């Protein structure tokens, strides 16, 4: 099992930056990939960025060149650095773990952190 705790959200003006953190605990060795998702009011949850076990990254087109996902294995923490924020980035951001255990694949989610970008 895996536990995820996000932090770092808040209110920022357009053009500003925020860094989200996701502290990971549990059976970390069974995690295949870590990702950040977001959900805006009235919209479906969408993938923002992910990093695989071997360090490959993938980004939504809407955030390429502005957001960077990274991980600190020593601290068991995954980060999302968000620069040049836009009002359309406003959403609840969720940390996700793609867990592969003996019972199969399972998604774990954090509680979410609100990011609000004012124009």
Protein backbone atom coordinates (compact mmCIF):
# COMPACT_ATOMS: atom_id res chain seq x y z
CA UNK A 1 0.00 0.00 0.00
CA UNK A 2 0.98 3.63 -0.55
CA UNK A 3 0.16 6.90 1.18
CA UNK A 4 0.46 10.26 -0.58
CA UNK A 5 0.37 13.71 1.02
CA UNK A 6 0.41 16.81 -1.17
CA UNK A 7 1.39 20.32 -0.19
CA UNK A 8 2.32 23.60 -1.82
CA UNK A 9 -0.88 24.81 -3.41
CA UNK A 10 -2.18 28.33 -3.04
CA UNK A 11 -3.18 31.53 -4.74
CA UNK A 12 -0.83 33.12 -7.25
CA UNK A 13 -1.08 35.78 -9.92
CA UNK A 14 -0.84 34.92 -13.58
CA UNK A 15 2.79 34.58 -14.60
CA UNK A 16 3.82 33.43 -11.16
CA UNK A 17 5.21 30.14 -9.92
CA UNK A 18 4.35 27.45 -7.41
CA UNK A 19 5.96 24.18 -6.42
CA UNK A 20 3.82 21.26 -5.35
CA UNK A 21 5.22 18.46 -3.24
CA UNK A 22 3.99 14.90 -2.77
CA UNK A 23 5.40 12.92 0.13
CA UNK A 24 5.25 9.20 -0.55
CA UNK A 25 5.25 6.42 2.02
CA UNK A 26 4.50 2.71 2.02
CA UNK A 27 5.68 0.04 -0.41
CA UNK A 28 7.53 2.42 -2.67
CA UNK A 29 9.40 -0.35 -4.49
CA UNK A 30 6.12 -1.42 -6.12
CA UNK A 31 5.41 2.00 -7.64
CA UNK A 32 5.76 1.99 -11.44
CA UNK A 33 5.20 5.70 -11.98
CA UNK A 34 4.24 8.87 -10.12
CA UNK A 35 2.05 11.53 -11.62
CA UNK A 36 0.28 14.81 -11.06
CA UNK A 37 -3.30 15.18 -12.20
CA UNK A 38 -5.68 18.11 -11.95
CA UNK A 39 -9.39 18.64 -11.93
CA UNK A 40 -11.05 21.97 -12.59
CA UNK A 41 -14.70 22.62 -11.66
CA UNK A 42 -17.03 20.92 -14.09
CA UNK A 43 -14.19 19.14 -15.89
CA UNK A 44 -12.75 15.66 -15.83
CA UNK A 45 -9.53 14.88 -14.03
CA UNK A 46 -6.61 15.10 -16.44
CA UNK A 47 -3.00 14.07 -16.45
CA UNK A 48 -0.57 16.96 -16.02
CA UNK A 49 2.77 15.18 -15.76
CA UNK A 50 4.26 11.85 -14.80
CA UNK A 51 7.64 10.32 -14.13
CA UNK A 52 8.30 6.61 -14.46
CA UNK A 53 10.42 4.37 -12.26
CA UNK A 54 13.32 4.74 -14.69
CA UNK A 55 12.98 8.51 -14.92
CA UNK A 56 11.08 9.00 -18.16
CA UNK A 57 8.70 11.95 -18.07
CA UNK A 58 5.54 12.87 -19.91
CA UNK A 59 3.59 16.14 -19.92
CA UNK A 60 0.23 17.36 -21.07
CA UNK A 61 0.60 19.60 -24.11
CA UNK A 62 -0.94 22.49 -22.18
CA UNK A 63 1.90 22.54 -19.64
CA UNK A 64 4.93 21.61 -21.74
CA UNK A 65 7.72 24.11 -21.27
CA UNK A 66 6.11 25.57 -18.14
CA UNK A 67 5.85 22.67 -15.67
CA UNK A 68 8.55 20.25 -14.55
CA UNK A 69 8.05 17.03 -12.63
CA UNK A 70 10.92 15.72 -10.56
CA UNK A 71 11.59 13.32 -7.73
CA UNK A 72 13.94 13.11 -4.78
CA UNK A 73 14.37 9.44 -3.98
CA UNK A 74 16.22 10.17 -0.76
CA UNK A 75 13.23 12.14 0.53
CA UNK A 76 10.58 9.94 -1.14
CA UNK A 77 9.05 13.08 -2.57
CA UNK A 78 7.79 14.04 -6.01
CA UNK A 79 7.60 17.67 -7.06
CA UNK A 80 5.76 19.67 -9.67
CA UNK A 81 7.39 22.99 -10.44
CA UNK A 82 4.86 25.24 -12.14
CA UNK A 83 6.07 28.39 -13.86
CA UNK A 84 4.33 30.97 -16.02
CA UNK A 85 1.02 30.03 -14.47
CA UNK A 86 -2.18 30.88 -16.28
CA UNK A 87 -5.74 31.28 -14.98
CA UNK A 88 -6.63 28.09 -16.84
CA UNK A 89 -4.21 26.19 -14.60
CA UNK A 90 -6.62 26.76 -11.72
CA UNK A 91 -7.68 23.36 -10.38
CA UNK A 92 -7.29 20.88 -7.58
CA UNK A 93 -4.03 19.05 -8.14
CA UNK A 94 -3.72 15.41 -7.14
CA UNK A 95 -0.67 13.25 -6.70
CA UNK A 96 -0.99 9.74 -8.10
CA UNK A 97 0.95 6.51 -7.69
CA UNK A 98 0.73 3.75 -10.28
CA UNK A 99 1.18 0.78 -7.98
CA UNK A 100 1.97 -2.73 -9.22
CA UNK A 101 1.51 -5.28 -6.45
CA UNK A 102 0.96 -9.03 -6.36
CA UNK A 103 -2.78 -8.42 -6.67
CA UNK A 104 -2.30 -6.36 -9.82
CA UNK A 105 -2.32 -2.68 -10.71
CA UNK A 106 -3.85 -0.09 -8.44
CA UNK A 107 -3.99 3.70 -8.36
CA UNK A 108 -3.36 5.58 -5.14
CA UNK A 109 -4.32 9.25 -4.77
CA UNK A 110 -3.49 12.07 -2.43
CA UNK A 111 -6.09 14.34 -0.90
CA UNK A 112 -5.51 17.10 -3.44
CA UNK A 113 -4.23 20.64 -3.15
CA UNK A 114 -5.94 23.73 -4.56
CA UNK A 115 -4.09 25.92 -7.05
CA UNK A 116 -5.75 29.19 -7.96
CA UNK A 117 -4.27 31.52 -10.56
CA UNK A 118 -5.72 35.01 -10.70
CA UNK A 119 -5.68 37.12 -13.84
